[in-house]
Amino acid sequence: MSTLKDSLTADMRAALKARDDLTTSTLRMALAAIGTAEVAGKTKRELSDDEVLAVLTKEAKKRREAATAFADAGRTDQAAKETAEGEVLERYLPKQLGDAELAELVSGALAAGGFTGKAQMGPAMKAAQAAVAGRAEGGRVAAEVRRQLGV
């Protein structure tokens, strides 16, 4: 079992004992999403920490998007709940890169691969995503790659 999944389970149990409903329900949802990812495919398998992190990132993104949608619809109570759930998940995600750090990493990845034009956007994105390693959202990485390639 991955150590991140163990940590999530232990924290959920602690929140349950402390009667912290928000944390308990959020971590239950995250563990359910991890369980779903484990049984996806032909055989059940344990996810690595990187794969668990990818699931948590996806769930946090869902919470941010839902909070925005609820806020736009005028449902501030539901938007606040989604935002709070997102904050619980953020505890388990790596610190997000700032704009300057992201630009520096993308620049290094593009220089190392010799990527220069629009035709190389796919391989450039793959190299940039590997350099960033989940510390920035894909949309931000793509925007920076496009900016630096002049696309």
N, C-alpha and C. Protein backbone atom coordinates (compact mmCIF):
# COMPACT_ATOMS: atom_id res chain seq x y z
N MET A 1 0.85 -1.18 0.00
CA MET A 1 0.00 0.00 0.00
C MET A 1 0.89 1.24 0.00
N SER A 2 0.49 2.25 -0.72
CA SER A 2 1.31 3.45 -0.81
C SER A 2 1.27 4.23 0.50
N THR A 3 2.33 4.94 0.76
CA THR A 3 2.40 5.69 2.02
C THR A 3 1.43 6.87 2.02
N LEU A 4 1.19 7.48 0.86
CA LEU A 4 0.23 8.58 0.80
C LEU A 4 -1.18 8.08 1.09
N LYS A 5 -1.51 6.92 0.55
CA LYS A 5 -2.83 6.34 0.81
C LYS A 5 -2.96 5.99 2.29
N ASP A 6 -1.90 5.46 2.89
CA ASP A 6 -1.90 5.16 4.32
C ASP A 6 -2.12 6.43 5.13
N SER A 7 -1.46 7.49 4.72
CA SER A 7 -1.60 8.78 5.41
C SER A 7 -3.03 9.30 5.31
N LEU A 8 -3.62 9.19 4.14
CA LEU A 8 -5.02 9.62 3.95
C LEU A 8 -5.96 8.81 4.86
N THR A 9 -5.74 7.51 4.91
CA THR A 9 -6.59 6.64 5.73
C THR A 9 -6.44 6.99 7.21
N ALA A 10 -5.20 7.17 7.67
CA ALA A 10 -4.96 7.52 9.07
C ALA A 10 -5.57 8.87 9.41
N ASP A 11 -5.42 9.84 8.53
CA ASP A 11 -5.99 11.16 8.76
C ASP A 11 -7.51 11.12 8.77
N MET A 12 -8.10 10.27 7.91
CA MET A 12 -9.55 10.15 7.89
C MET A 12 -10.04 9.56 9.21
N ARG A 13 -9.35 8.56 9.72
CA ARG A 13 -9.74 7.96 11.00
C ARG A 13 -9.63 8.96 12.14
N ALA A 14 -8.55 9.77 12.10
CA ALA A 14 -8.36 10.78 13.14
C ALA A 14 -9.48 11.83 13.06
N ALA A 15 -9.84 12.23 11.85
CA ALA A 15 -10.91 13.21 11.67
C ALA A 15 -12.25 12.64 12.12
N LEU A 16 -12.44 11.36 11.88
CA LEU A 16 -13.67 10.69 12.30
C LEU A 16 -13.77 10.70 13.82
N LYS A 17 -12.67 10.39 14.49
CA LYS A 17 -12.66 10.38 15.96
C LYS A 17 -12.85 11.80 16.52
N ALA A 18 -12.31 12.79 15.80
CA ALA A 18 -12.43 14.18 16.24
C ALA A 18 -13.77 14.80 15.84
N ARG A 19 -14.59 14.03 15.13
CA ARG A 19 -15.90 14.48 14.65
C ARG A 19 -15.79 15.70 13.73
N ASP A 20 -14.74 15.68 12.89
CA ASP A 20 -14.54 16.72 11.89
C ASP A 20 -15.22 16.24 10.60
N ASP A 21 -16.47 16.65 10.44
CA ASP A 21 -17.29 16.14 9.33
C ASP A 21 -16.72 16.50 7.96
N LEU A 22 -16.25 17.72 7.80
CA LEU A 22 -15.74 18.17 6.50
C LEU A 22 -14.54 17.33 6.07
N THR A 23 -13.56 17.21 6.96
CA THR A 23 -12.36 16.45 6.64
C THR A 23 -12.69 14.98 6.42
N THR A 24 -13.54 14.42 7.26
CA THR A 24 -13.92 13.02 7.12
C THR A 24 -14.56 12.75 5.76
N SER A 25 -15.55 13.57 5.40
CA SER A 25 -16.24 13.32 4.14
C SER A 25 -15.33 13.57 2.94
N THR A 26 -14.47 14.56 3.03
CA THR A 26 -13.56 14.85 1.92
C THR A 26 -12.55 13.72 1.73
N LEU A 27 -11.99 13.24 2.82
CA LEU A 27 -11.01 12.15 2.71
C LEU A 27 -11.68 10.84 2.29
N ARG A 28 -12.91 10.62 2.72
CA ARG A 28 -13.64 9.44 2.25
C ARG A 28 -13.83 9.49 0.74
N MET A 29 -14.20 10.68 0.25
CA MET A 29 -14.39 10.87 -1.19
C MET A 29 -13.07 10.62 -1.92
N ALA A 30 -11.98 11.13 -1.38
CA ALA A 30 -10.67 10.95 -2.02
C ALA A 30 -10.28 9.47 -2.03
N LEU A 31 -10.49 8.79 -0.92
CA LEU A 31 -10.16 7.36 -0.86
C LEU A 31 -11.06 6.55 -1.78
N ALA A 32 -12.31 6.95 -1.94
CA ALA A 32 -13.20 6.27 -2.88
C ALA A 32 -12.70 6.46 -4.32
N ALA A 33 -12.24 7.67 -4.64
CA ALA A 33 -11.70 7.92 -5.99
C ALA A 33 -10.44 7.10 -6.22
N ILE A 34 -9.62 6.96 -5.20
CA ILE A 34 -8.40 6.15 -5.31
C ILE A 34 -8.79 4.68 -5.51
N GLY A 35 -9.77 4.21 -4.76
CA GLY A 35 -10.25 2.83 -4.92
C GLY A 35 -10.79 2.58 -6.31
N THR A 36 -11.51 3.55 -6.86
CA THR A 36 -12.03 3.42 -8.22
C THR A 36 -10.89 3.32 -9.22
N ALA A 37 -9.86 4.14 -9.03
CA ALA A 37 -8.70 4.10 -9.92
C ALA A 37 -7.97 2.77 -9.81
N GLU A 38 -7.95 2.19 -8.61
CA GLU A 38 -7.26 0.92 -8.41
C GLU A 38 -7.95 -0.23 -9.15
N VAL A 39 -9.26 -0.18 -9.26
CA VAL A 39 -9.97 -1.28 -9.92
C VAL A 39 -10.24 -1.00 -11.39
N ALA A 40 -9.84 0.16 -11.87
CA ALA A 40 -10.00 0.46 -13.29
C ALA A 40 -9.03 -0.41 -14.08
N GLY A 41 -9.45 -0.89 -15.20
CA GLY A 41 -8.60 -1.78 -15.99
C GLY A 41 -9.02 -3.22 -15.80
N LYS A 42 -8.15 -4.11 -16.25
CA LYS A 42 -8.50 -5.52 -16.23
C LYS A 42 -8.31 -6.17 -14.87
N THR A 43 -7.31 -5.71 -14.10
CA THR A 43 -7.07 -6.30 -12.79
C THR A 43 -6.90 -5.20 -11.75
N LYS A 44 -7.24 -5.54 -10.50
CA LYS A 44 -7.06 -4.59 -9.41
C LYS A 44 -5.57 -4.51 -9.07
N ARG A 45 -5.12 -3.29 -8.80
CA ARG A 45 -3.72 -3.12 -8.44
C ARG A 45 -3.58 -1.97 -7.46
N GLU A 46 -2.49 -1.97 -6.73
CA GLU A 46 -2.18 -0.88 -5.80
C GLU A 46 -1.60 0.29 -6.60
N LEU A 47 -2.04 1.49 -6.29
CA LEU A 47 -1.49 2.66 -6.95
C LEU A 47 -0.22 3.12 -6.25
N SER A 48 0.71 3.63 -7.03
CA SER A 48 1.92 4.21 -6.45
C SER A 48 1.57 5.58 -5.88
N ASP A 49 2.49 6.17 -5.11
CA ASP A 49 2.25 7.50 -4.56
C ASP A 49 2.02 8.53 -5.65
N ASP A 50 2.74 8.41 -6.76
CA ASP A 50 2.56 9.36 -7.87
C ASP A 50 1.17 9.24 -8.47
N GLU A 51 0.67 8.01 -8.58
CA GLU A 51 -0.67 7.81 -9.13
C GLU A 51 -1.74 8.31 -8.16
N VAL A 52 -1.52 8.10 -6.85
CA VAL A 52 -2.45 8.60 -5.84
C VAL A 52 -2.46 10.13 -5.89
N LEU A 53 -1.28 10.72 -6.05
CA LEU A 53 -1.17 12.17 -6.15
C LEU A 53 -1.92 12.69 -7.37
N ALA A 54 -1.86 11.96 -8.48
CA ALA A 54 -2.59 12.35 -9.68
C ALA A 54 -4.10 12.33 -9.43
N VAL A 55 -4.58 11.32 -8.71
CA VAL A 55 -6.01 11.23 -8.39
C VAL A 55 -6.41 12.41 -7.49
N LEU A 56 -5.58 12.72 -6.49
CA LEU A 56 -5.89 13.83 -5.59
C LEU A 56 -5.89 15.17 -6.33
N THR A 57 -4.96 15.32 -7.28
CA THR A 57 -4.90 16.55 -8.07
C THR A 57 -6.17 16.70 -8.89
N LYS A 58 -6.62 15.61 -9.47
CA LYS A 58 -7.84 15.62 -10.27
C LYS A 58 -9.05 15.99 -9.41
N GLU A 59 -9.12 15.42 -8.21
CA GLU A 59 -10.23 15.70 -7.31
C GLU A 59 -10.20 17.16 -6.84
N ALA A 60 -9.02 17.69 -6.58
CA ALA A 60 -8.90 19.09 -6.16
C ALA A 60 -9.34 20.02 -7.29
N LYS A 61 -8.99 19.66 -8.51
CA LYS A 61 -9.40 20.46 -9.66
C LYS A 61 -10.93 20.45 -9.80
N LYS A 62 -11.53 19.29 -9.59
CA LYS A 62 -12.99 19.20 -9.63
C LYS A 62 -13.62 20.14 -8.61
N ARG A 63 -13.04 20.21 -7.41
CA ARG A 63 -13.57 21.07 -6.36
C ARG A 63 -13.46 22.55 -6.75
N ARG A 64 -12.31 22.93 -7.32
CA ARG A 64 -12.14 24.33 -7.75
C ARG A 64 -13.16 24.70 -8.83
N GLU A 65 -13.33 23.82 -9.81
CA GLU A 65 -14.27 24.10 -10.89
C GLU A 65 -15.71 24.15 -10.38
N ALA A 66 -16.06 23.25 -9.48
CA ALA A 66 -17.41 23.24 -8.92
C ALA A 66 -17.65 24.50 -8.09
N ALA A 67 -16.66 24.92 -7.32
CA ALA A 67 -16.81 26.13 -6.51
C ALA A 67 -17.04 27.35 -7.41
N THR A 68 -16.32 27.42 -8.51
CA THR A 68 -16.51 28.52 -9.46
C THR A 68 -17.91 28.48 -10.07
N ALA A 69 -18.35 27.29 -10.46
CA ALA A 69 -19.68 27.15 -11.06
C ALA A 69 -20.78 27.54 -10.06
N PHE A 70 -20.64 27.09 -8.82
CA PHE A 70 -21.65 27.43 -7.81
C PHE A 70 -21.63 28.93 -7.51
N ALA A 71 -20.45 29.51 -7.43
CA ALA A 71 -20.36 30.95 -7.17
C ALA A 71 -21.00 31.75 -8.30
N ASP A 72 -20.75 31.33 -9.54
CA ASP A 72 -21.35 32.01 -10.70
C ASP A 72 -22.87 31.89 -10.70
N ALA A 73 -23.37 30.80 -10.14
CA ALA A 73 -24.82 30.58 -10.10
C ALA A 73 -25.45 31.23 -8.86
N GLY A 74 -24.63 31.86 -8.03
CA GLY A 74 -25.16 32.53 -6.85
C GLY A 74 -25.39 31.62 -5.66
N ARG A 75 -24.84 30.42 -5.70
CA ARG A 75 -25.00 29.46 -4.59
C ARG A 75 -23.76 29.52 -3.71
N THR A 76 -23.64 30.58 -2.93
CA THR A 76 -22.42 30.82 -2.16
C THR A 76 -22.18 29.76 -1.09
N ASP A 77 -23.26 29.21 -0.51
CA ASP A 77 -23.09 28.18 0.51
C ASP A 77 -22.44 26.93 -0.06
N GLN A 78 -22.90 26.50 -1.23
CA GLN A 78 -22.33 25.31 -1.87
C GLN A 78 -20.92 25.61 -2.38
N ALA A 79 -20.69 26.83 -2.87
CA ALA A 79 -19.35 27.21 -3.33
C ALA A 79 -18.37 27.19 -2.17
N ALA A 80 -18.80 27.65 -1.01
CA ALA A 80 -17.93 27.65 0.18
C ALA A 80 -17.59 26.22 0.59
N LYS A 81 -18.56 25.32 0.50
CA LYS A 81 -18.32 23.91 0.86
C LYS A 81 -17.30 23.29 -0.10
N GLU A 82 -17.45 23.54 -1.39
CA GLU A 82 -16.51 22.99 -2.38
C GLU A 82 -15.11 23.57 -2.16
N THR A 83 -15.03 24.85 -1.85
CA THR A 83 -13.74 25.48 -1.60
C THR A 83 -13.08 24.87 -0.37
N ALA A 84 -13.86 24.64 0.68
CA ALA A 84 -13.32 24.03 1.90
C ALA A 84 -12.82 22.61 1.63
N GLU A 85 -13.54 21.86 0.83
CA GLU A 85 -13.09 20.50 0.47
C GLU A 85 -11.79 20.57 -0.32
N GLY A 86 -11.70 21.53 -1.22
CA GLY A 86 -10.47 21.71 -1.99
C GLY A 86 -9.29 22.03 -1.10
N GLU A 87 -9.53 22.83 -0.06
CA GLU A 87 -8.45 23.18 0.87
C GLU A 87 -7.98 21.96 1.66
N VAL A 88 -8.90 21.06 1.99
CA VAL A 88 -8.52 19.82 2.68
C VAL A 88 -7.61 19.00 1.77
N LEU A 89 -7.97 18.89 0.49
CA LEU A 89 -7.17 18.10 -0.45
C LEU A 89 -5.81 18.75 -0.71
N GLU A 90 -5.76 20.09 -0.69
CA GLU A 90 -4.50 20.81 -0.95
C GLU A 90 -3.42 20.43 0.06
N ARG A 91 -3.82 20.02 1.26
CA ARG A 91 -2.83 19.62 2.29
C ARG A 91 -1.95 18.47 1.81
N TYR A 92 -2.48 17.64 0.92
CA TYR A 92 -1.77 16.45 0.48
C TYR A 92 -1.06 16.63 -0.85
N LEU A 93 -1.24 17.77 -1.49
CA LEU A 93 -0.62 18.04 -2.79
C LEU A 93 0.67 18.81 -2.60
N PRO A 94 1.62 18.64 -3.53
CA PRO A 94 2.86 19.41 -3.42
C PRO A 94 2.56 20.89 -3.63
N LYS A 95 3.43 21.73 -3.06
CA LYS A 95 3.27 23.18 -3.19
C LYS A 95 3.31 23.54 -4.68
N GLN A 96 2.36 24.37 -5.10
CA GLN A 96 2.28 24.77 -6.50
C GLN A 96 3.38 25.78 -6.82
N LEU A 97 3.91 25.68 -8.03
CA LEU A 97 4.98 26.58 -8.46
C LEU A 97 4.45 27.97 -8.74
N GLY A 98 5.27 28.97 -8.47
CA GLY A 98 4.94 30.33 -8.85
C GLY A 98 5.21 30.51 -10.33
N ASP A 99 4.77 31.66 -10.87
CA ASP A 99 4.93 31.91 -12.30
C ASP A 99 6.40 31.94 -12.72
N ALA A 100 7.26 32.55 -11.91
CA ALA A 100 8.68 32.64 -12.26
C ALA A 100 9.34 31.26 -12.24
N GLU A 101 9.01 30.46 -11.22
CA GLU A 101 9.58 29.11 -11.13
C GLU A 101 9.10 28.25 -12.31
N LEU A 102 7.82 28.38 -12.65
CA LEU A 102 7.27 27.62 -13.77
C LEU A 102 7.96 28.01 -15.07
N ALA A 103 8.13 29.31 -15.30
CA ALA A 103 8.79 29.79 -16.52
C ALA A 103 10.22 29.25 -16.61
N GLU A 104 10.91 29.22 -15.48
CA GLU A 104 12.29 28.73 -15.45
C GLU A 104 12.36 27.24 -15.78
N LEU A 105 11.48 26.43 -15.18
CA LEU A 105 11.47 24.99 -15.45
C LEU A 105 11.11 24.69 -16.89
N VAL A 106 10.10 25.37 -17.42
CA VAL A 106 9.68 25.15 -18.80
C VAL A 106 10.80 25.56 -19.74
N SER A 107 11.44 26.67 -19.47
CA SER A 107 12.56 27.14 -20.29
C SER A 107 13.67 26.10 -20.34
N GLY A 108 14.01 25.55 -19.17
CA GLY A 108 15.04 24.52 -19.11
C GLY A 108 14.66 23.27 -19.89
N ALA A 109 13.40 22.86 -19.77
CA ALA A 109 12.94 21.66 -20.48
C ALA A 109 12.95 21.88 -21.99
N LEU A 110 12.56 23.07 -22.44
CA LEU A 110 12.55 23.36 -23.87
C LEU A 110 13.96 23.44 -24.42
N ALA A 111 14.86 24.03 -23.65
CA ALA A 111 16.25 24.14 -24.08
C ALA A 111 16.90 22.75 -24.14
N ALA A 112 16.64 21.92 -23.15
CA ALA A 112 17.23 20.58 -23.11
C ALA A 112 16.77 19.73 -24.29
N GLY A 113 15.50 19.89 -24.69
CA GLY A 113 14.97 19.11 -25.80
C GLY A 113 15.17 19.75 -27.15
N GLY A 114 15.61 21.00 -27.17
CA GLY A 114 15.82 21.71 -28.43
C GLY A 114 14.51 22.03 -29.15
N PHE A 115 13.44 22.24 -28.40
CA PHE A 115 12.14 22.54 -29.00
C PHE A 115 12.07 24.02 -29.36
N THR A 116 11.61 24.31 -30.59
CA THR A 116 11.61 25.70 -31.03
C THR A 116 10.31 26.17 -31.67
N GLY A 117 9.49 25.31 -32.22
CA GLY A 117 8.33 25.80 -32.97
C GLY A 117 7.03 25.13 -32.61
N LYS A 118 5.98 25.59 -33.27
CA LYS A 118 4.63 25.10 -33.04
C LYS A 118 4.50 23.61 -33.35
N ALA A 119 5.22 23.13 -34.33
CA ALA A 119 5.13 21.72 -34.73
C ALA A 119 5.62 20.79 -33.62
N GLN A 120 6.41 21.31 -32.70
CA GLN A 120 6.96 20.48 -31.62
C GLN A 120 6.21 20.67 -30.30
N MET A 121 5.01 21.19 -30.36
CA MET A 121 4.24 21.47 -29.15
C MET A 121 4.00 20.21 -28.32
N GLY A 122 3.62 19.09 -28.94
CA GLY A 122 3.35 17.85 -28.20
C GLY A 122 4.55 17.35 -27.42
N PRO A 123 5.69 17.12 -28.10
CA PRO A 123 6.87 16.68 -27.36
C PRO A 123 7.35 17.71 -26.33
N ALA A 124 7.18 19.00 -26.66
CA ALA A 124 7.58 20.05 -25.72
C ALA A 124 6.73 20.00 -24.45
N MET A 125 5.42 19.76 -24.62
CA MET A 125 4.53 19.64 -23.46
C MET A 125 4.89 18.44 -22.60
N LYS A 126 5.23 17.34 -23.25
CA LYS A 126 5.61 16.13 -22.51
C LYS A 126 6.85 16.39 -21.66
N ALA A 127 7.83 17.06 -22.25
CA ALA A 127 9.07 17.37 -21.53
C ALA A 127 8.79 18.36 -20.40
N ALA A 128 7.96 19.36 -20.67
CA ALA A 128 7.64 20.37 -19.65
C ALA A 128 6.87 19.74 -18.49
N GLN A 129 5.90 18.88 -18.79
CA GLN A 129 5.13 18.22 -17.73
C GLN A 129 6.04 17.35 -16.86
N ALA A 130 7.01 16.68 -17.49
CA ALA A 130 7.94 15.87 -16.72
C ALA A 130 8.79 16.74 -15.80
N ALA A 131 9.20 17.90 -16.29
CA ALA A 131 10.03 18.81 -15.49
C ALA A 131 9.23 19.39 -14.32
N VAL A 132 7.98 19.69 -14.56
CA VAL A 132 7.14 20.30 -13.54
C VAL A 132 6.70 19.27 -12.50
N ALA A 133 6.50 18.04 -12.92
CA ALA A 133 6.17 16.91 -12.04
C ALA A 133 4.98 17.17 -11.13
N GLY A 134 3.87 17.64 -11.71
CA GLY A 134 2.64 17.79 -10.94
C GLY A 134 2.59 18.98 -10.01
N ARG A 135 3.56 19.86 -10.09
CA ARG A 135 3.56 21.02 -9.19
C ARG A 135 2.88 22.24 -9.81
N ALA A 136 2.27 22.06 -10.98
CA ALA A 136 1.48 23.13 -11.61
C ALA A 136 0.42 22.46 -12.48
N GLU A 137 -0.71 23.12 -12.63
CA GLU A 137 -1.79 22.57 -13.45
C GLU A 137 -1.38 22.53 -14.91
N GLY A 138 -1.92 21.57 -15.62
CA GLY A 138 -1.60 21.39 -17.03
C GLY A 138 -1.90 22.62 -17.88
N GLY A 139 -2.97 23.32 -17.57
CA GLY A 139 -3.33 24.52 -18.32
C GLY A 139 -2.28 25.61 -18.19
N ARG A 140 -1.76 25.77 -16.98
CA ARG A 140 -0.70 26.77 -16.76
C ARG A 140 0.56 26.38 -17.50
N VAL A 141 0.89 25.08 -17.47
CA VAL A 141 2.09 24.60 -18.16
C VAL A 141 1.94 24.81 -19.66
N ALA A 142 0.78 24.45 -20.20
CA ALA A 142 0.54 24.61 -21.63
C ALA A 142 0.64 26.07 -22.05
N ALA A 143 0.08 26.96 -21.25
CA ALA A 143 0.14 28.39 -21.57
C ALA A 143 1.58 28.88 -21.59
N GLU A 144 2.38 28.43 -20.65
CA GLU A 144 3.79 28.85 -20.59
C GLU A 144 4.58 28.27 -21.76
N VAL A 145 4.32 27.01 -22.12
CA VAL A 145 4.99 26.40 -23.27
C VAL A 145 4.63 27.17 -24.54
N ARG A 146 3.35 27.48 -24.72
CA ARG A 146 2.93 28.25 -25.90
C ARG A 146 3.62 29.62 -25.93
N ARG A 147 3.68 30.25 -24.78
CA ARG A 147 4.31 31.59 -24.72
C ARG A 147 5.77 31.51 -25.11
N GLN A 148 6.48 30.51 -24.59
CA GLN A 148 7.90 30.42 -24.87
C GLN A 148 8.21 29.93 -26.28
N LEU A 149 7.28 29.15 -26.86
CA LEU A 149 7.48 28.70 -28.25
C LEU A 149 6.98 29.74 -29.24
N GLY A 150 6.30 30.76 -28.75
CA GLY A 150 5.79 31.80 -29.63
C GLY A 150 4.57 31.37 -30.42
N VAL A 151 3.79 30.45 -29.87
CA VAL A 151 2.60 29.92 -30.56
C VAL A 151 1.41 30.81 -30.26
